[in-house]
Amino acid sequence: MVEVFWQPDCGSCDLLKKVLKRKNIPFVAHDVSTDPKAKKRLQELGYTTVPVTIVNDEKHFPGVLADEINALAAAA
């Protein structure tokens, strides 16, 4: 499962979600501005900014990383 942690008015967050949709990668989006559990989860992983993508509760990465997104698309 792919999870995207985002917040409103975040251009990189919007871009990440658009790219994932364009590549037909299903994801669950968590708005950290309204979901305290999601925000806490990111903080526990050491992140203070969004977007952050978590894959299968194992791998995680910040931002919009083409190599990581392409790997997700290849695995989908």
N, C-alpha and C. Protein backbone atom coordinates (compact mmCIF):
# COMPACT_ATOMS: atom_id res chain seq x y z
N MET A 1 0.84 -1.18 0.00
CA MET A 1 0.00 0.00 0.00
C MET A 1 0.89 1.25 0.00
N VAL A 2 0.51 2.21 -0.80
CA VAL A 2 1.22 3.48 -0.89
C VAL A 2 0.39 4.52 -0.13
N GLU A 3 1.07 5.23 0.76
CA GLU A 3 0.42 6.30 1.52
C GLU A 3 1.16 7.60 1.24
N VAL A 4 0.39 8.65 1.01
CA VAL A 4 0.95 9.98 0.77
C VAL A 4 0.50 10.91 1.90
N PHE A 5 1.45 11.53 2.53
CA PHE A 5 1.18 12.49 3.59
C PHE A 5 1.38 13.88 2.99
N TRP A 6 0.36 14.71 3.12
CA TRP A 6 0.33 16.00 2.45
C TRP A 6 -0.38 17.03 3.32
N GLN A 7 -0.42 18.27 2.81
CA GLN A 7 -1.21 19.32 3.44
C GLN A 7 -1.67 20.29 2.35
N PRO A 8 -2.74 21.02 2.61
CA PRO A 8 -3.23 21.99 1.62
C PRO A 8 -2.19 23.07 1.33
N ASP A 9 -2.32 23.67 0.15
CA ASP A 9 -1.43 24.75 -0.28
C ASP A 9 0.02 24.32 -0.38
N CYS A 10 0.23 23.06 -0.72
CA CYS A 10 1.58 22.51 -0.88
C CYS A 10 1.72 22.09 -2.34
N GLY A 11 2.46 22.87 -3.11
CA GLY A 11 2.62 22.58 -4.54
C GLY A 11 3.26 21.23 -4.80
N SER A 12 4.25 20.86 -4.02
CA SER A 12 4.90 19.56 -4.20
C SER A 12 3.94 18.42 -3.88
N CYS A 13 3.09 18.64 -2.89
CA CYS A 13 2.09 17.62 -2.53
C CYS A 13 1.12 17.41 -3.69
N ASP A 14 0.64 18.50 -4.26
CA ASP A 14 -0.27 18.40 -5.39
C ASP A 14 0.39 17.70 -6.58
N LEU A 15 1.65 18.04 -6.84
CA LEU A 15 2.38 17.43 -7.94
C LEU A 15 2.53 15.93 -7.71
N LEU A 16 2.91 15.53 -6.51
CA LEU A 16 3.09 14.12 -6.20
C LEU A 16 1.79 13.35 -6.45
N LYS A 17 0.69 13.86 -5.94
CA LYS A 17 -0.59 13.16 -6.12
C LYS A 17 -0.97 13.08 -7.60
N LYS A 18 -0.72 14.13 -8.37
CA LYS A 18 -1.02 14.11 -9.81
C LYS A 18 -0.18 13.07 -10.54
N VAL A 19 1.11 13.01 -10.21
CA VAL A 19 2.00 12.06 -10.86
C VAL A 19 1.59 10.62 -10.54
N LEU A 20 1.27 10.36 -9.28
CA LEU A 20 0.85 9.01 -8.90
C LEU A 20 -0.42 8.62 -9.64
N LYS A 21 -1.37 9.55 -9.74
CA LYS A 21 -2.61 9.27 -10.46
C LYS A 21 -2.33 9.01 -11.93
N ARG A 22 -1.47 9.84 -12.53
CA ARG A 22 -1.14 9.71 -13.95
C ARG A 22 -0.49 8.35 -14.24
N LYS A 23 0.28 7.86 -13.29
CA LYS A 23 0.96 6.57 -13.47
C LYS A 23 0.13 5.40 -12.95
N ASN A 24 -1.12 5.68 -12.59
CA ASN A 24 -2.05 4.65 -12.11
C ASN A 24 -1.51 3.90 -10.89
N ILE A 25 -0.91 4.63 -9.99
CA ILE A 25 -0.43 4.07 -8.73
C ILE A 25 -1.46 4.41 -7.66
N PRO A 26 -2.17 3.41 -7.15
CA PRO A 26 -3.17 3.70 -6.12
C PRO A 26 -2.50 4.12 -4.81
N PHE A 27 -3.11 5.08 -4.13
CA PHE A 27 -2.54 5.55 -2.86
C PHE A 27 -3.65 6.03 -1.94
N VAL A 28 -3.30 6.07 -0.67
CA VAL A 28 -4.17 6.64 0.36
C VAL A 28 -3.54 7.95 0.78
N ALA A 29 -4.30 9.02 0.78
CA ALA A 29 -3.78 10.34 1.13
C ALA A 29 -4.16 10.70 2.57
N HIS A 30 -3.19 11.21 3.31
CA HIS A 30 -3.40 11.64 4.69
C HIS A 30 -3.05 13.13 4.80
N ASP A 31 -4.03 13.93 5.13
CA ASP A 31 -3.83 15.37 5.30
C ASP A 31 -3.32 15.63 6.72
N VAL A 32 -2.05 15.96 6.85
CA VAL A 32 -1.45 16.13 8.19
C VAL A 32 -1.97 17.38 8.89
N SER A 33 -2.63 18.28 8.15
CA SER A 33 -3.16 19.48 8.79
C SER A 33 -4.46 19.19 9.55
N THR A 34 -5.10 18.07 9.25
CA THR A 34 -6.36 17.72 9.91
C THR A 34 -6.32 16.36 10.60
N ASP A 35 -5.23 15.63 10.44
CA ASP A 35 -5.12 14.28 10.99
C ASP A 35 -3.92 14.19 11.94
N PRO A 36 -4.15 14.39 13.24
CA PRO A 36 -3.04 14.39 14.19
C PRO A 36 -2.26 13.07 14.24
N LYS A 37 -2.94 11.96 14.00
CA LYS A 37 -2.24 10.66 14.00
C LYS A 37 -1.26 10.58 12.83
N ALA A 38 -1.66 11.09 11.68
CA ALA A 38 -0.78 11.10 10.51
C ALA A 38 0.43 11.99 10.76
N LYS A 39 0.19 13.15 11.34
CA LYS A 39 1.29 14.07 11.63
C LYS A 39 2.27 13.43 12.62
N LYS A 40 1.75 12.77 13.64
CA LYS A 40 2.60 12.12 14.63
C LYS A 40 3.42 11.00 13.98
N ARG A 41 2.78 10.25 13.10
CA ARG A 41 3.50 9.16 12.42
C ARG A 41 4.70 9.69 11.64
N LEU A 42 4.52 10.80 10.93
CA LEU A 42 5.64 11.40 10.19
C LEU A 42 6.73 11.87 11.13
N GLN A 43 6.34 12.51 12.21
CA GLN A 43 7.31 13.01 13.17
C GLN A 43 8.12 11.86 13.77
N GLU A 44 7.47 10.73 14.02
CA GLU A 44 8.18 9.57 14.55
C GLU A 44 9.20 9.02 13.56
N LEU A 45 8.96 9.25 12.27
CA LEU A 45 9.92 8.84 11.24
C LEU A 45 10.99 9.90 11.01
N GLY A 46 10.86 11.05 11.68
CA GLY A 46 11.86 12.11 11.56
C GLY A 46 11.55 13.19 10.54
N TYR A 47 10.36 13.18 9.98
CA TYR A 47 9.99 14.17 8.97
C TYR A 47 9.30 15.37 9.62
N THR A 48 9.60 16.55 9.10
CA THR A 48 8.95 17.77 9.56
C THR A 48 8.26 18.51 8.41
N THR A 49 8.44 18.01 7.19
CA THR A 49 7.81 18.63 6.03
C THR A 49 7.11 17.57 5.20
N VAL A 50 6.24 18.01 4.32
CA VAL A 50 5.54 17.13 3.38
C VAL A 50 5.82 17.59 1.97
N PRO A 51 5.63 16.75 0.97
CA PRO A 51 5.03 15.44 1.02
C PRO A 51 6.02 14.35 1.43
N VAL A 52 5.45 13.29 1.98
CA VAL A 52 6.21 12.09 2.31
C VAL A 52 5.38 10.91 1.81
N THR A 53 6.06 9.94 1.21
CA THR A 53 5.42 8.73 0.73
C THR A 53 5.93 7.56 1.54
N ILE A 54 5.01 6.71 2.00
CA ILE A 54 5.37 5.49 2.71
C ILE A 54 4.81 4.32 1.90
N VAL A 55 5.67 3.33 1.66
CA VAL A 55 5.30 2.17 0.86
C VAL A 55 5.32 0.92 1.74
N ASN A 56 4.16 0.29 1.88
CA ASN A 56 4.03 -0.96 2.63
C ASN A 56 4.59 -0.88 4.04
N ASP A 57 4.48 0.25 4.67
CA ASP A 57 4.97 0.46 6.04
C ASP A 57 6.45 0.15 6.20
N GLU A 58 7.20 0.08 5.10
CA GLU A 58 8.61 -0.27 5.17
C GLU A 58 9.51 0.84 4.65
N LYS A 59 9.25 1.24 3.43
CA LYS A 59 10.09 2.23 2.76
C LYS A 59 9.39 3.58 2.79
N HIS A 60 10.16 4.65 2.96
CA HIS A 60 9.57 5.98 2.93
C HIS A 60 10.56 6.96 2.33
N PHE A 61 10.00 7.99 1.69
CA PHE A 61 10.85 9.01 1.09
C PHE A 61 10.10 10.34 1.03
N PRO A 62 10.87 11.43 1.13
CA PRO A 62 10.26 12.76 1.07
C PRO A 62 10.20 13.28 -0.37
N GLY A 63 9.33 14.24 -0.59
CA GLY A 63 9.31 14.95 -1.86
C GLY A 63 8.75 14.15 -3.02
N VAL A 64 9.13 14.60 -4.21
CA VAL A 64 8.68 13.98 -5.46
C VAL A 64 9.92 13.43 -6.15
N LEU A 65 10.24 12.18 -5.88
CA LEU A 65 11.47 11.58 -6.41
C LEU A 65 11.13 10.68 -7.59
N ALA A 66 11.57 11.09 -8.78
CA ALA A 66 11.21 10.37 -10.01
C ALA A 66 11.62 8.91 -9.95
N ASP A 67 12.82 8.60 -9.48
CA ASP A 67 13.27 7.20 -9.45
C ASP A 67 12.36 6.35 -8.56
N GLU A 68 11.99 6.88 -7.42
CA GLU A 68 11.12 6.13 -6.49
C GLU A 68 9.72 5.93 -7.10
N ILE A 69 9.20 6.97 -7.72
CA ILE A 69 7.88 6.89 -8.33
C ILE A 69 7.89 5.91 -9.50
N ASN A 70 8.94 5.94 -10.30
CA ASN A 70 9.04 5.00 -11.42
C ASN A 70 9.15 3.56 -10.93
N ALA A 71 9.82 3.34 -9.81
CA ALA A 71 9.91 2.00 -9.24
C ALA A 71 8.54 1.53 -8.77
N LEU A 72 7.75 2.44 -8.19
CA LEU A 72 6.39 2.09 -7.77
C LEU A 72 5.54 1.72 -8.98
N ALA A 73 5.68 2.49 -10.06
CA ALA A 73 4.90 2.24 -11.26
C ALA A 73 5.28 0.89 -11.86
N ALA A 74 6.54 0.54 -11.84
CA ALA A 74 7.00 -0.73 -12.40
C ALA A 74 6.48 -1.90 -11.59
N ALA A 75 6.32 -1.69 -10.28
CA ALA A 75 5.86 -2.76 -9.40
C ALA A 75 4.33 -2.90 -9.40
N ALA A 76 3.64 -1.88 -9.87
CA ALA A 76 2.16 -1.89 -9.83
C ALA A 76 1.57 -2.78 -10.90
